[in-house]
Amino acid sequence: MNSINAYNALGVSTIDTVASKKKSLGQDQFLKLMTTQMTHQDPTKPMQNGEFLSQMAQFGTVSGIQDLQQSFKDFAASISSDQTLQAASLVGRSVSVSSDQGLLAAGGEIKGSVDLPSSSSYVNVKILDPATGDVIATKSLGEHPAGRVSFVWDGMNANGNVAHPGAYKVQVETSIDGLNTALQPEIQAQVESVSMDSSKNSLKVNLTGLGAVNFNQIKQIL
């Protein structure tokens, strides 16, 4: 009978699903070895009470560690499942992630923001051709206090013409304490799907125009 993966209904795919098996001394093996030792012990030198209690204490320690390890595994699996369900609920929604690239759709625009650590006398956003490095357009946002500053590029180049659809590089330049400083922009993109890497217990969010990013790279859910 084929098993049904609950994640498939949520648009979540699983990567590297083959898990490696580790060999360890379990409780049954421990008891079997101990029983064998007692059965074949030298009658003239039977196991002393102290030695017997010591081995039983070791058994209790091994058993406790195994139970604790299993508890941690169950806890980690629960967290991973919760994160997967949360990430799956983002499919079709827009999010903001740290990226220096944005996708210009036909008739669309590139939206983003930047977090200013302090007030700045100017904030400039440059749109560049990723292949040549040529500046396609520049948006001057003026003076701003510390905090988040949003920007939108409408797809018009410096000559007033509509730029070709595709991926463009985004740079943000500002003045921090009188020094010209480049800041990391955050770009808005739509979530297409979510992938779970079970071998690394990590989530990947696949974004339109940006590709796969780690789930923890998401800065805002819009």
N, C-alpha and C. Protein backbone atom coordinates (compact mmCIF):
# COMPACT_ATOMS: atom_id res chain seq x y z
N MET A 1 0.86 -1.20 0.00
CA MET A 1 0.00 0.00 0.00
C MET A 1 0.88 1.24 0.00
N ASN A 2 0.58 2.15 -0.86
CA ASN A 2 1.37 3.36 -0.95
C ASN A 2 1.00 4.31 0.18
N SER A 3 2.04 4.85 0.84
CA SER A 3 1.78 5.81 1.91
C SER A 3 1.54 7.18 1.32
N ILE A 4 0.76 8.01 2.02
CA ILE A 4 0.43 9.35 1.55
C ILE A 4 1.21 10.36 2.35
N ASN A 5 1.98 11.20 1.69
CA ASN A 5 2.76 12.24 2.35
C ASN A 5 1.87 13.45 2.58
N ALA A 6 1.66 13.82 3.83
CA ALA A 6 0.76 14.94 4.15
C ALA A 6 1.28 16.25 3.62
N TYR A 7 2.61 16.33 3.42
CA TYR A 7 3.18 17.59 2.93
C TYR A 7 2.82 17.85 1.48
N ASN A 8 2.53 16.78 0.71
CA ASN A 8 2.22 16.98 -0.71
C ASN A 8 0.99 17.85 -0.89
N ALA A 9 0.03 17.71 0.00
CA ALA A 9 -1.20 18.51 -0.10
C ALA A 9 -0.95 19.97 0.19
N LEU A 10 0.19 20.26 0.80
CA LEU A 10 0.51 21.66 1.13
C LEU A 10 1.51 22.26 0.16
N GLY A 11 1.91 21.54 -0.86
CA GLY A 11 2.86 22.07 -1.83
C GLY A 11 4.29 22.00 -1.34
N VAL A 12 4.56 21.09 -0.38
CA VAL A 12 5.89 20.96 0.19
C VAL A 12 6.55 19.71 -0.36
N SER A 13 7.74 19.85 -0.90
CA SER A 13 8.47 18.70 -1.42
C SER A 13 9.58 18.32 -0.46
N THR A 14 9.98 17.04 -0.49
CA THR A 14 11.02 16.55 0.40
C THR A 14 12.28 16.25 -0.38
N ILE A 15 13.43 16.71 0.14
CA ILE A 15 14.71 16.53 -0.52
C ILE A 15 15.56 15.60 0.32
N ASP A 16 16.34 14.70 -0.33
CA ASP A 16 17.26 13.80 0.35
C ASP A 16 16.55 13.03 1.45
N THR A 17 15.56 12.24 1.06
CA THR A 17 14.73 11.56 2.06
C THR A 17 15.36 10.27 2.59
N VAL A 18 16.48 9.88 2.03
CA VAL A 18 17.10 8.64 2.49
C VAL A 18 17.90 8.92 3.74
N ALA A 19 17.52 8.33 4.86
CA ALA A 19 18.20 8.59 6.13
C ALA A 19 19.23 7.50 6.39
N SER A 20 20.35 7.87 7.00
CA SER A 20 21.39 6.91 7.32
C SER A 20 21.06 6.21 8.63
N LYS A 21 21.36 4.91 8.71
CA LYS A 21 21.05 4.13 9.89
C LYS A 21 22.32 3.98 10.74
N LYS A 22 22.18 4.21 12.02
CA LYS A 22 23.31 4.11 12.93
C LYS A 22 23.13 2.88 13.82
N LYS A 23 24.24 2.15 14.04
CA LYS A 23 24.20 0.96 14.88
C LYS A 23 24.56 1.37 16.31
N SER A 24 23.80 0.91 17.27
CA SER A 24 24.07 1.24 18.67
C SER A 24 23.67 0.05 19.53
N LEU A 25 24.20 0.03 20.76
CA LEU A 25 23.90 -1.03 21.71
C LEU A 25 22.60 -0.69 22.41
N GLY A 26 21.53 -1.43 22.08
CA GLY A 26 20.23 -1.14 22.66
C GLY A 26 20.03 -1.86 23.98
N GLN A 27 18.86 -1.68 24.57
CA GLN A 27 18.56 -2.28 25.86
C GLN A 27 18.55 -3.81 25.78
N ASP A 28 17.95 -4.36 24.72
CA ASP A 28 17.86 -5.82 24.58
C ASP A 28 19.25 -6.43 24.50
N GLN A 29 20.13 -5.80 23.69
CA GLN A 29 21.49 -6.32 23.55
C GLN A 29 22.25 -6.26 24.87
N PHE A 30 22.03 -5.17 25.62
CA PHE A 30 22.72 -5.00 26.90
C PHE A 30 22.33 -6.12 27.87
N LEU A 31 21.02 -6.38 27.97
CA LEU A 31 20.54 -7.42 28.88
C LEU A 31 21.02 -8.81 28.44
N LYS A 32 21.06 -9.03 27.12
CA LYS A 32 21.50 -10.33 26.61
C LYS A 32 22.97 -10.57 26.96
N LEU A 33 23.80 -9.54 26.76
CA LEU A 33 25.22 -9.67 27.08
C LEU A 33 25.42 -9.90 28.58
N MET A 34 24.65 -9.19 29.38
CA MET A 34 24.78 -9.32 30.83
C MET A 34 24.37 -10.72 31.29
N THR A 35 23.26 -11.24 30.73
CA THR A 35 22.79 -12.58 31.08
C THR A 35 23.81 -13.63 30.67
N THR A 36 24.38 -13.47 29.48
CA THR A 36 25.40 -14.41 28.99
C THR A 36 26.62 -14.40 29.90
N GLN A 37 27.01 -13.22 30.35
CA GLN A 37 28.16 -13.09 31.24
C GLN A 37 27.92 -13.83 32.55
N MET A 38 26.71 -13.69 33.10
CA MET A 38 26.40 -14.35 34.37
C MET A 38 26.30 -15.86 34.20
N THR A 39 25.78 -16.32 33.04
CA THR A 39 25.63 -17.76 32.79
C THR A 39 26.98 -18.45 32.68
N HIS A 40 27.94 -17.78 32.04
CA HIS A 40 29.24 -18.39 31.76
C HIS A 40 30.33 -17.91 32.71
N GLN A 41 29.96 -17.32 33.83
CA GLN A 41 30.98 -16.83 34.76
C GLN A 41 31.66 -18.00 35.45
N ASP A 42 32.84 -17.77 35.96
CA ASP A 42 33.61 -18.77 36.69
C ASP A 42 32.94 -19.04 38.03
N PRO A 43 32.48 -20.31 38.27
CA PRO A 43 31.80 -20.61 39.55
C PRO A 43 32.65 -20.31 40.77
N THR A 44 33.97 -20.41 40.59
CA THR A 44 34.85 -20.15 41.73
C THR A 44 35.04 -18.66 41.97
N LYS A 45 34.66 -17.84 40.98
CA LYS A 45 34.78 -16.39 41.11
C LYS A 45 33.49 -15.73 40.63
N PRO A 46 32.41 -15.96 41.35
CA PRO A 46 31.13 -15.38 40.90
C PRO A 46 31.16 -13.85 40.97
N MET A 47 30.26 -13.26 40.19
CA MET A 47 30.17 -11.80 40.16
C MET A 47 29.77 -11.27 41.53
N GLN A 48 30.52 -10.28 42.01
CA GLN A 48 30.23 -9.68 43.30
C GLN A 48 29.02 -8.75 43.20
N ASN A 49 28.37 -8.54 44.37
CA ASN A 49 27.20 -7.67 44.39
C ASN A 49 27.51 -6.27 43.87
N GLY A 50 28.68 -5.75 44.27
CA GLY A 50 29.06 -4.41 43.85
C GLY A 50 29.22 -4.32 42.35
N GLU A 51 29.85 -5.36 41.76
CA GLU A 51 30.04 -5.36 40.31
C GLU A 51 28.71 -5.47 39.59
N PHE A 52 27.81 -6.31 40.14
CA PHE A 52 26.49 -6.47 39.54
C PHE A 52 25.72 -5.15 39.56
N LEU A 53 25.74 -4.48 40.72
CA LEU A 53 25.03 -3.20 40.84
C LEU A 53 25.64 -2.15 39.91
N SER A 54 26.98 -2.22 39.75
CA SER A 54 27.65 -1.26 38.87
C SER A 54 27.18 -1.43 37.43
N GLN A 55 27.06 -2.69 36.99
CA GLN A 55 26.60 -2.93 35.62
C GLN A 55 25.14 -2.54 35.45
N MET A 56 24.33 -2.76 36.48
CA MET A 56 22.93 -2.34 36.40
C MET A 56 22.82 -0.82 36.32
N ALA A 57 23.72 -0.14 37.05
CA ALA A 57 23.72 1.33 36.99
C ALA A 57 24.10 1.80 35.59
N GLN A 58 25.09 1.10 34.98
CA GLN A 58 25.48 1.44 33.61
C GLN A 58 24.30 1.23 32.66
N PHE A 59 23.59 0.13 32.88
CA PHE A 59 22.42 -0.14 32.04
C PHE A 59 21.39 0.98 32.17
N GLY A 60 21.16 1.42 33.43
CA GLY A 60 20.20 2.50 33.65
C GLY A 60 20.64 3.78 32.98
N THR A 61 21.95 4.04 33.02
CA THR A 61 22.47 5.25 32.37
C THR A 61 22.28 5.19 30.86
N VAL A 62 22.64 4.02 30.28
CA VAL A 62 22.48 3.85 28.83
C VAL A 62 21.02 3.99 28.43
N SER A 63 20.14 3.36 29.20
CA SER A 63 18.71 3.44 28.90
C SER A 63 18.20 4.87 28.99
N GLY A 64 18.64 5.59 30.04
CA GLY A 64 18.20 6.98 30.21
C GLY A 64 18.68 7.87 29.09
N ILE A 65 19.93 7.67 28.66
CA ILE A 65 20.47 8.47 27.56
C ILE A 65 19.71 8.20 26.28
N GLN A 66 19.39 6.92 26.02
CA GLN A 66 18.65 6.58 24.81
C GLN A 66 17.27 7.22 24.83
N ASP A 67 16.61 7.19 26.00
CA ASP A 67 15.29 7.81 26.10
C ASP A 67 15.38 9.31 25.89
N LEU A 68 16.44 9.93 26.45
CA LEU A 68 16.62 11.37 26.30
C LEU A 68 16.89 11.73 24.84
N GLN A 69 17.73 10.93 24.17
CA GLN A 69 18.01 11.17 22.76
C GLN A 69 16.75 11.07 21.92
N GLN A 70 15.92 10.07 22.22
CA GLN A 70 14.68 9.90 21.47
C GLN A 70 13.74 11.07 21.71
N SER A 71 13.73 11.58 22.95
CA SER A 71 12.88 12.73 23.26
C SER A 71 13.31 13.95 22.46
N PHE A 72 14.64 14.15 22.36
CA PHE A 72 15.15 15.27 21.59
C PHE A 72 14.80 15.12 20.11
N LYS A 73 14.90 13.89 19.60
CA LYS A 73 14.56 13.65 18.20
C LYS A 73 13.09 13.95 17.94
N ASP A 74 12.23 13.50 18.85
CA ASP A 74 10.80 13.76 18.70
C ASP A 74 10.50 15.25 18.77
N PHE A 75 11.20 15.95 19.67
CA PHE A 75 11.00 17.39 19.82
C PHE A 75 11.44 18.12 18.55
N ALA A 76 12.61 17.73 18.01
CA ALA A 76 13.12 18.36 16.79
C ALA A 76 12.18 18.10 15.61
N ALA A 77 11.65 16.88 15.54
CA ALA A 77 10.72 16.55 14.45
C ALA A 77 9.45 17.38 14.56
N SER A 78 9.00 17.61 15.80
CA SER A 78 7.79 18.42 16.00
C SER A 78 8.02 19.85 15.55
N ILE A 79 9.19 20.42 15.90
CA ILE A 79 9.51 21.79 15.49
C ILE A 79 9.58 21.88 13.98
N SER A 80 10.25 20.90 13.35
CA SER A 80 10.38 20.89 11.89
C SER A 80 9.02 20.84 11.22
N SER A 81 8.12 20.01 11.77
CA SER A 81 6.78 19.89 11.20
C SER A 81 6.02 21.20 11.31
N ASP A 82 6.13 21.87 12.46
CA ASP A 82 5.44 23.16 12.65
C ASP A 82 5.97 24.20 11.68
N GLN A 83 7.30 24.26 11.52
CA GLN A 83 7.89 25.23 10.60
C GLN A 83 7.46 24.96 9.16
N THR A 84 7.36 23.68 8.81
CA THR A 84 6.95 23.32 7.46
C THR A 84 5.53 23.79 7.18
N LEU A 85 4.65 23.57 8.14
CA LEU A 85 3.26 24.00 7.97
C LEU A 85 3.16 25.52 7.88
N GLN A 86 3.95 26.23 8.69
CA GLN A 86 3.96 27.69 8.64
C GLN A 86 4.46 28.17 7.29
N ALA A 87 5.56 27.55 6.81
CA ALA A 87 6.12 27.95 5.53
C ALA A 87 5.16 27.65 4.39
N ALA A 88 4.48 26.50 4.45
CA ALA A 88 3.55 26.13 3.39
C ALA A 88 2.40 27.12 3.29
N SER A 89 2.02 27.72 4.41
CA SER A 89 0.92 28.69 4.40
C SER A 89 1.31 29.98 3.69
N LEU A 90 2.61 30.15 3.39
CA LEU A 90 3.07 31.36 2.71
C LEU A 90 2.97 31.27 1.19
N VAL A 91 2.73 30.07 0.67
CA VAL A 91 2.67 29.90 -0.79
C VAL A 91 1.61 30.83 -1.38
N GLY A 92 2.05 31.62 -2.38
CA GLY A 92 1.15 32.57 -3.03
C GLY A 92 1.19 33.95 -2.41
N ARG A 93 1.84 34.08 -1.26
CA ARG A 93 1.92 35.38 -0.60
C ARG A 93 3.25 36.07 -0.91
N SER A 94 3.32 37.36 -0.66
CA SER A 94 4.55 38.13 -0.87
C SER A 94 5.31 38.25 0.45
N VAL A 95 6.62 38.15 0.34
CA VAL A 95 7.49 38.29 1.51
C VAL A 95 8.65 39.21 1.15
N SER A 96 9.34 39.67 2.17
CA SER A 96 10.51 40.52 1.98
C SER A 96 11.73 39.76 2.48
N VAL A 97 12.76 39.66 1.61
CA VAL A 97 13.98 38.93 1.97
C VAL A 97 15.21 39.76 1.63
N SER A 98 16.29 39.51 2.34
CA SER A 98 17.55 40.19 2.03
C SER A 98 18.08 39.68 0.70
N SER A 99 18.19 40.57 -0.27
CA SER A 99 18.65 40.18 -1.60
C SER A 99 19.08 41.43 -2.37
N ASP A 100 20.03 41.26 -3.25
CA ASP A 100 20.45 42.38 -4.10
C ASP A 100 19.93 42.19 -5.52
N GLN A 101 18.90 41.37 -5.67
CA GLN A 101 18.32 41.12 -6.99
C GLN A 101 16.80 41.13 -6.92
N GLY A 102 16.18 41.69 -7.96
CA GLY A 102 14.73 41.70 -8.05
C GLY A 102 14.29 41.34 -9.45
N LEU A 103 13.07 40.84 -9.58
CA LEU A 103 12.54 40.45 -10.88
C LEU A 103 11.53 41.48 -11.36
N LEU A 104 11.78 42.02 -12.56
CA LEU A 104 10.85 42.95 -13.18
C LEU A 104 9.98 42.16 -14.16
N ALA A 105 8.70 42.01 -13.82
CA ALA A 105 7.77 41.33 -14.72
C ALA A 105 7.29 42.31 -15.77
N ALA A 106 6.73 41.80 -16.85
CA ALA A 106 6.20 42.67 -17.91
C ALA A 106 5.12 43.57 -17.33
N GLY A 107 5.32 44.87 -17.45
CA GLY A 107 4.37 45.82 -16.92
C GLY A 107 4.37 45.92 -15.41
N GLY A 108 5.36 45.31 -14.77
CA GLY A 108 5.41 45.29 -13.31
C GLY A 108 6.43 46.27 -12.74
N GLU A 109 6.79 46.03 -11.49
CA GLU A 109 7.73 46.90 -10.79
C GLU A 109 8.50 46.08 -9.76
N ILE A 110 9.58 46.65 -9.27
CA ILE A 110 10.37 46.02 -8.22
C ILE A 110 10.20 46.83 -6.95
N LYS A 111 9.74 46.15 -5.89
CA LYS A 111 9.54 46.81 -4.61
C LYS A 111 10.55 46.30 -3.60
N GLY A 112 10.95 47.19 -2.71
CA GLY A 112 11.89 46.80 -1.68
C GLY A 112 11.96 47.81 -0.56
N SER A 113 12.91 47.61 0.32
CA SER A 113 13.11 48.52 1.44
C SER A 113 14.54 48.39 1.94
N VAL A 114 14.93 49.32 2.80
CA VAL A 114 16.25 49.28 3.41
C VAL A 114 16.11 49.80 4.84
N ASP A 115 16.88 49.22 5.73
CA ASP A 115 16.83 49.62 7.14
C ASP A 115 18.00 50.54 7.44
N LEU A 116 17.72 51.81 7.72
CA LEU A 116 18.78 52.78 8.02
C LEU A 116 19.15 52.69 9.50
N PRO A 117 20.42 52.44 9.82
CA PRO A 117 20.83 52.35 11.23
C PRO A 117 20.82 53.71 11.93
N SER A 118 20.90 54.79 11.14
CA SER A 118 20.86 56.14 11.69
C SER A 118 20.32 57.08 10.62
N SER A 119 20.06 58.32 10.99
CA SER A 119 19.54 59.28 10.01
C SER A 119 20.56 59.49 8.90
N SER A 120 20.04 59.78 7.71
CA SER A 120 20.91 59.94 6.54
C SER A 120 20.48 61.14 5.72
N SER A 121 21.47 61.83 5.15
CA SER A 121 21.17 63.01 4.34
C SER A 121 20.65 62.64 2.97
N TYR A 122 20.88 61.41 2.56
CA TYR A 122 20.36 60.95 1.27
C TYR A 122 20.29 59.42 1.24
N VAL A 123 19.39 58.92 0.41
CA VAL A 123 19.27 57.49 0.14
C VAL A 123 19.05 57.32 -1.35
N ASN A 124 19.97 56.66 -2.02
CA ASN A 124 19.87 56.43 -3.46
C ASN A 124 19.74 54.94 -3.75
N VAL A 125 18.80 54.60 -4.61
CA VAL A 125 18.61 53.22 -5.04
C VAL A 125 18.99 53.12 -6.50
N LYS A 126 19.95 52.23 -6.80
CA LYS A 126 20.40 52.06 -8.18
C LYS A 126 19.95 50.70 -8.71
N ILE A 127 19.45 50.71 -9.94
CA ILE A 127 19.06 49.48 -10.64
C ILE A 127 20.09 49.22 -11.72
N LEU A 128 20.71 48.05 -11.69
CA LEU A 128 21.78 47.73 -12.62
C LEU A 128 21.46 46.49 -13.45
N ASP A 129 22.05 46.47 -14.64
CA ASP A 129 22.00 45.28 -15.49
C ASP A 129 22.96 44.26 -14.88
N PRO A 130 22.50 43.09 -14.46
CA PRO A 130 23.38 42.12 -13.79
C PRO A 130 24.48 41.58 -14.70
N ALA A 131 24.26 41.62 -16.01
CA ALA A 131 25.25 41.09 -16.94
C ALA A 131 26.39 42.07 -17.19
N THR A 132 26.06 43.35 -17.33
CA THR A 132 27.07 44.35 -17.68
C THR A 132 27.47 45.25 -16.52
N GLY A 133 26.60 45.36 -15.52
CA GLY A 133 26.87 46.26 -14.41
C GLY A 133 26.48 47.69 -14.71
N ASP A 134 25.90 47.93 -15.89
CA ASP A 134 25.47 49.29 -16.25
C ASP A 134 24.28 49.72 -15.40
N VAL A 135 24.28 51.00 -14.99
CA VAL A 135 23.17 51.54 -14.21
C VAL A 135 21.99 51.81 -15.14
N ILE A 136 20.87 51.16 -14.89
CA ILE A 136 19.67 51.31 -15.70
C ILE A 136 18.84 52.50 -15.22
N ALA A 137 18.75 52.65 -13.91
CA ALA A 137 17.95 53.73 -13.34
C ALA A 137 18.44 54.04 -11.93
N THR A 138 18.20 55.26 -11.49
CA THR A 138 18.55 55.69 -10.13
C THR A 138 17.37 56.41 -9.51
N LYS A 139 17.03 56.03 -8.29
CA LYS A 139 15.95 56.69 -7.56
C LYS A 139 16.54 57.37 -6.34
N SER A 140 16.35 58.68 -6.25
CA SER A 140 16.83 59.45 -5.10
C SER A 140 15.67 59.61 -4.11
N LEU A 141 15.84 59.06 -2.93
CA LEU A 141 14.78 59.08 -1.92
C LEU A 141 14.93 60.23 -0.93
N GLY A 142 16.02 60.99 -1.04
CA GLY A 142 16.21 62.16 -0.19
C GLY A 142 16.66 61.83 1.22
N GLU A 143 16.43 62.77 2.13
CA GLU A 143 16.86 62.63 3.52
C GLU A 143 15.85 61.81 4.32
N HIS A 144 16.38 60.96 5.22
CA HIS A 144 15.50 60.10 6.02
C HIS A 144 16.05 59.90 7.42
N PRO A 145 15.17 59.78 8.40
CA PRO A 145 15.62 59.42 9.75
C PRO A 145 15.93 57.93 9.82
N ALA A 146 16.45 57.49 10.94
CA ALA A 146 16.73 56.06 11.11
C ALA A 146 15.44 55.26 11.02
N GLY A 147 15.55 54.06 10.47
CA GLY A 147 14.37 53.20 10.33
C GLY A 147 14.24 52.64 8.93
N ARG A 148 13.11 52.03 8.67
CA ARG A 148 12.88 51.39 7.38
C ARG A 148 12.41 52.39 6.34
N VAL A 149 13.04 52.33 5.16
CA VAL A 149 12.69 53.19 4.04
C VAL A 149 12.28 52.30 2.86
N SER A 150 11.09 52.50 2.35
CA SER A 150 10.59 51.70 1.22
C SER A 150 10.88 52.39 -0.10
N PHE A 151 11.01 51.57 -1.15
CA PHE A 151 11.22 52.13 -2.48
C PHE A 151 10.51 51.26 -3.52
N VAL A 152 10.23 51.86 -4.67
CA VAL A 152 9.58 51.16 -5.79
C VAL A 152 10.24 51.62 -7.08
N TRP A 153 10.64 50.67 -7.90
CA TRP A 153 11.12 51.00 -9.25
C TRP A 153 10.03 50.59 -10.23
N ASP A 154 9.56 51.55 -11.01
CA ASP A 154 8.44 51.30 -11.92
C ASP A 154 8.83 50.67 -13.25
N GLY A 155 10.11 50.35 -13.41
CA GLY A 155 10.55 49.70 -14.64
C GLY A 155 10.99 50.65 -15.73
N MET A 156 11.00 51.95 -15.43
CA MET A 156 11.44 52.95 -16.42
C MET A 156 12.94 53.16 -16.27
N ASN A 157 13.66 53.15 -17.41
CA ASN A 157 15.10 53.37 -17.35
C ASN A 157 15.42 54.86 -17.33
N ALA A 158 16.71 55.19 -17.32
CA ALA A 158 17.13 56.58 -17.21
C ALA A 158 16.69 57.42 -18.41
N ASN A 159 16.42 56.79 -19.54
CA ASN A 159 15.99 57.50 -20.75
C ASN A 159 14.47 57.65 -20.84
N GLY A 160 13.78 57.16 -19.82
CA GLY A 160 12.33 57.26 -19.83
C GLY A 160 11.64 56.16 -20.59
N ASN A 161 12.38 55.13 -20.94
CA ASN A 161 11.81 53.99 -21.66
C ASN A 161 11.56 52.82 -20.71
N VAL A 162 10.63 51.97 -21.10
CA VAL A 162 10.33 50.80 -20.28
C VAL A 162 11.45 49.77 -20.43
N ALA A 163 12.01 49.34 -19.32
CA ALA A 163 13.09 48.35 -19.35
C ALA A 163 12.53 46.97 -19.68
N HIS A 164 13.39 46.14 -20.24
CA HIS A 164 12.97 44.78 -20.59
C HIS A 164 12.70 43.97 -19.32
N PRO A 165 11.69 43.13 -19.34
CA PRO A 165 11.42 42.26 -18.19
C PRO A 165 12.63 41.36 -17.91
N GLY A 166 12.83 41.06 -16.67
CA GLY A 166 13.95 40.19 -16.29
C GLY A 166 14.49 40.54 -14.91
N ALA A 167 15.60 39.90 -14.57
CA ALA A 167 16.22 40.11 -13.27
C ALA A 167 17.16 41.32 -13.32
N TYR A 168 17.12 42.12 -12.29
CA TYR A 168 17.98 43.30 -12.19
C TYR A 168 18.63 43.34 -10.80
N LYS A 169 19.84 43.88 -10.77
CA LYS A 169 20.55 44.03 -9.51
C LYS A 169 20.13 45.33 -8.84
N VAL A 170 20.02 45.30 -7.52
CA VAL A 170 19.58 46.48 -6.76
C VAL A 170 20.67 46.86 -5.75
N GLN A 171 21.07 48.13 -5.79
CA GLN A 171 22.05 48.65 -4.84
C GLN A 171 21.47 49.84 -4.10
N VAL A 172 21.78 49.94 -2.82
CA VAL A 172 21.33 51.07 -2.01
C VAL A 172 22.55 51.78 -1.43
N GLU A 173 22.64 53.07 -1.69
CA GLU A 173 23.74 53.88 -1.17
C GLU A 173 23.18 54.99 -0.29
N THR A 174 23.88 55.26 0.80
CA THR A 174 23.43 56.30 1.72
C THR A 174 24.63 56.91 2.43
N SER A 175 24.37 57.86 3.30
CA SER A 175 25.43 58.50 4.08
C SER A 175 25.21 58.19 5.55
N ILE A 176 26.20 57.51 6.16
CA ILE A 176 26.16 57.18 7.58
C ILE A 176 27.33 57.87 8.27
N ASP A 177 27.03 58.79 9.17
CA ASP A 177 28.07 59.56 9.87
C ASP A 177 29.00 60.27 8.89
N GLY A 178 28.41 60.76 7.81
CA GLY A 178 29.18 61.51 6.83
C GLY A 178 29.95 60.66 5.84
N LEU A 179 29.82 59.35 5.92
CA LEU A 179 30.54 58.45 5.02
C LEU A 179 29.56 57.78 4.06
N ASN A 180 29.95 57.71 2.78
CA ASN A 180 29.13 57.00 1.80
C ASN A 180 29.13 55.50 2.14
N THR A 181 27.95 54.95 2.28
CA THR A 181 27.82 53.57 2.75
C THR A 181 26.82 52.80 1.90
N ALA A 182 27.19 51.55 1.57
CA ALA A 182 26.28 50.66 0.85
C ALA A 182 25.53 49.81 1.87
N LEU A 183 24.22 49.72 1.72
CA LEU A 183 23.39 48.94 2.64
C LEU A 183 22.72 47.78 1.90
N GLN A 184 22.41 46.74 2.65
CA GLN A 184 21.74 45.57 2.09
C GLN A 184 20.26 45.84 1.90
N PRO A 185 19.77 45.78 0.66
CA PRO A 185 18.33 45.99 0.45
C PRO A 185 17.53 44.72 0.76
N GLU A 186 16.26 44.91 1.00
CA GLU A 186 15.32 43.79 1.14
C GLU A 186 14.33 43.89 -0.01
N ILE A 187 14.17 42.81 -0.76
CA ILE A 187 13.35 42.80 -1.96
C ILE A 187 12.08 41.98 -1.72
N GLN A 188 10.98 42.49 -2.25
CA GLN A 188 9.71 41.77 -2.15
C GLN A 188 9.59 40.76 -3.29
N ALA A 189 9.11 39.58 -2.96
CA ALA A 189 8.91 38.53 -3.96
C ALA A 189 7.78 37.61 -3.51
N GLN A 190 7.22 36.90 -4.47
CA GLN A 190 6.12 35.99 -4.17
C GLN A 190 6.64 34.58 -3.91
N VAL A 191 6.06 33.92 -2.93
CA VAL A 191 6.45 32.55 -2.60
C VAL A 191 5.77 31.59 -3.56
N GLU A 192 6.58 30.81 -4.28
CA GLU A 192 6.04 29.83 -5.23
C GLU A 192 5.82 28.47 -4.58
N SER A 193 6.78 28.05 -3.77
CA SER A 193 6.69 26.74 -3.13
C SER A 193 7.66 26.68 -1.97
N VAL A 194 7.58 25.57 -1.24
CA VAL A 194 8.46 25.35 -0.09
C VAL A 194 9.06 23.96 -0.20
N SER A 195 10.35 23.85 0.07
CA SER A 195 11.03 22.55 0.04
C SER A 195 11.61 22.26 1.41
N MET A 196 11.52 21.00 1.85
CA MET A 196 12.09 20.60 3.12
C MET A 196 13.25 19.66 2.89
N ASP A 197 14.43 20.02 3.39
CA ASP A 197 15.60 19.17 3.32
C ASP A 197 15.67 18.37 4.61
N SER A 198 15.15 17.14 4.58
CA SER A 198 15.06 16.34 5.80
C SER A 198 16.43 15.96 6.35
N SER A 199 17.44 15.83 5.48
CA SER A 199 18.77 15.44 5.95
C SER A 199 19.41 16.53 6.78
N LYS A 200 19.08 17.80 6.47
CA LYS A 200 19.65 18.93 7.20
C LYS A 200 18.62 19.58 8.12
N ASN A 201 17.40 19.05 8.09
CA ASN A 201 16.32 19.57 8.93
C ASN A 201 16.14 21.07 8.71
N SER A 202 16.16 21.49 7.43
CA SER A 202 16.04 22.91 7.11
C SER A 202 15.00 23.11 6.02
N LEU A 203 14.48 24.32 5.95
CA LEU A 203 13.44 24.67 4.98
C LEU A 203 13.97 25.65 3.95
N LYS A 204 13.56 25.46 2.72
CA LYS A 204 13.88 26.37 1.63
C LYS A 204 12.57 26.94 1.09
N VAL A 205 12.55 28.26 0.92
CA VAL A 205 11.39 28.93 0.34
C VAL A 205 11.77 29.37 -1.07
N ASN A 206 11.02 28.93 -2.06
CA ASN A 206 11.31 29.24 -3.45
C ASN A 206 10.52 30.47 -3.88
N LEU A 207 11.26 31.54 -4.25
CA LEU A 207 10.66 32.83 -4.56
C LEU A 207 10.75 33.14 -6.05
N THR A 208 9.73 33.79 -6.57
CA THR A 208 9.71 34.18 -7.98
C THR A 208 10.85 35.16 -8.26
N GLY A 209 11.70 34.78 -9.19
CA GLY A 209 12.80 35.66 -9.59
C GLY A 209 14.02 35.60 -8.71
N LEU A 210 13.90 35.06 -7.51
CA LEU A 210 15.03 35.01 -6.59
C LEU A 210 15.53 33.60 -6.33
N GLY A 211 14.72 32.61 -6.66
CA GLY A 211 15.11 31.23 -6.41
C GLY A 211 14.88 30.83 -4.97
N ALA A 212 15.65 29.85 -4.51
CA ALA A 212 15.47 29.29 -3.17
C ALA A 212 16.28 30.07 -2.14
N VAL A 213 15.64 30.40 -1.03
CA VAL A 213 16.31 31.04 0.10
C VAL A 213 15.93 30.29 1.37
N ASN A 214 16.75 30.42 2.40
CA ASN A 214 16.43 29.78 3.67
C ASN A 214 15.20 30.44 4.30
N PHE A 215 14.42 29.63 4.98
CA PHE A 215 13.20 30.13 5.61
C PHE A 215 13.49 31.27 6.57
N ASN A 216 14.64 31.19 7.28
CA ASN A 216 14.96 32.23 8.26
C ASN A 216 15.48 33.52 7.63
N GLN A 217 15.60 33.55 6.29
CA GLN A 217 16.00 34.78 5.60
C GLN A 217 14.81 35.71 5.38
N ILE A 218 13.62 35.22 5.59
CA ILE A 218 12.43 36.06 5.41
C ILE A 218 12.39 37.11 6.51
N LYS A 219 12.32 38.37 6.10
CA LYS A 219 12.30 39.48 7.04
C LYS A 219 10.89 39.94 7.37
N GLN A 220 10.02 39.90 6.37
CA GLN A 220 8.65 40.35 6.55
C GLN A 220 7.70 39.49 5.73
N ILE A 221 6.51 39.29 6.26
CA ILE A 221 5.42 38.67 5.51
C ILE A 221 4.43 39.77 5.19
N LEU A 222 4.19 40.01 3.90
CA LEU A 222 3.41 41.17 3.48
C LEU A 222 1.95 40.80 3.18
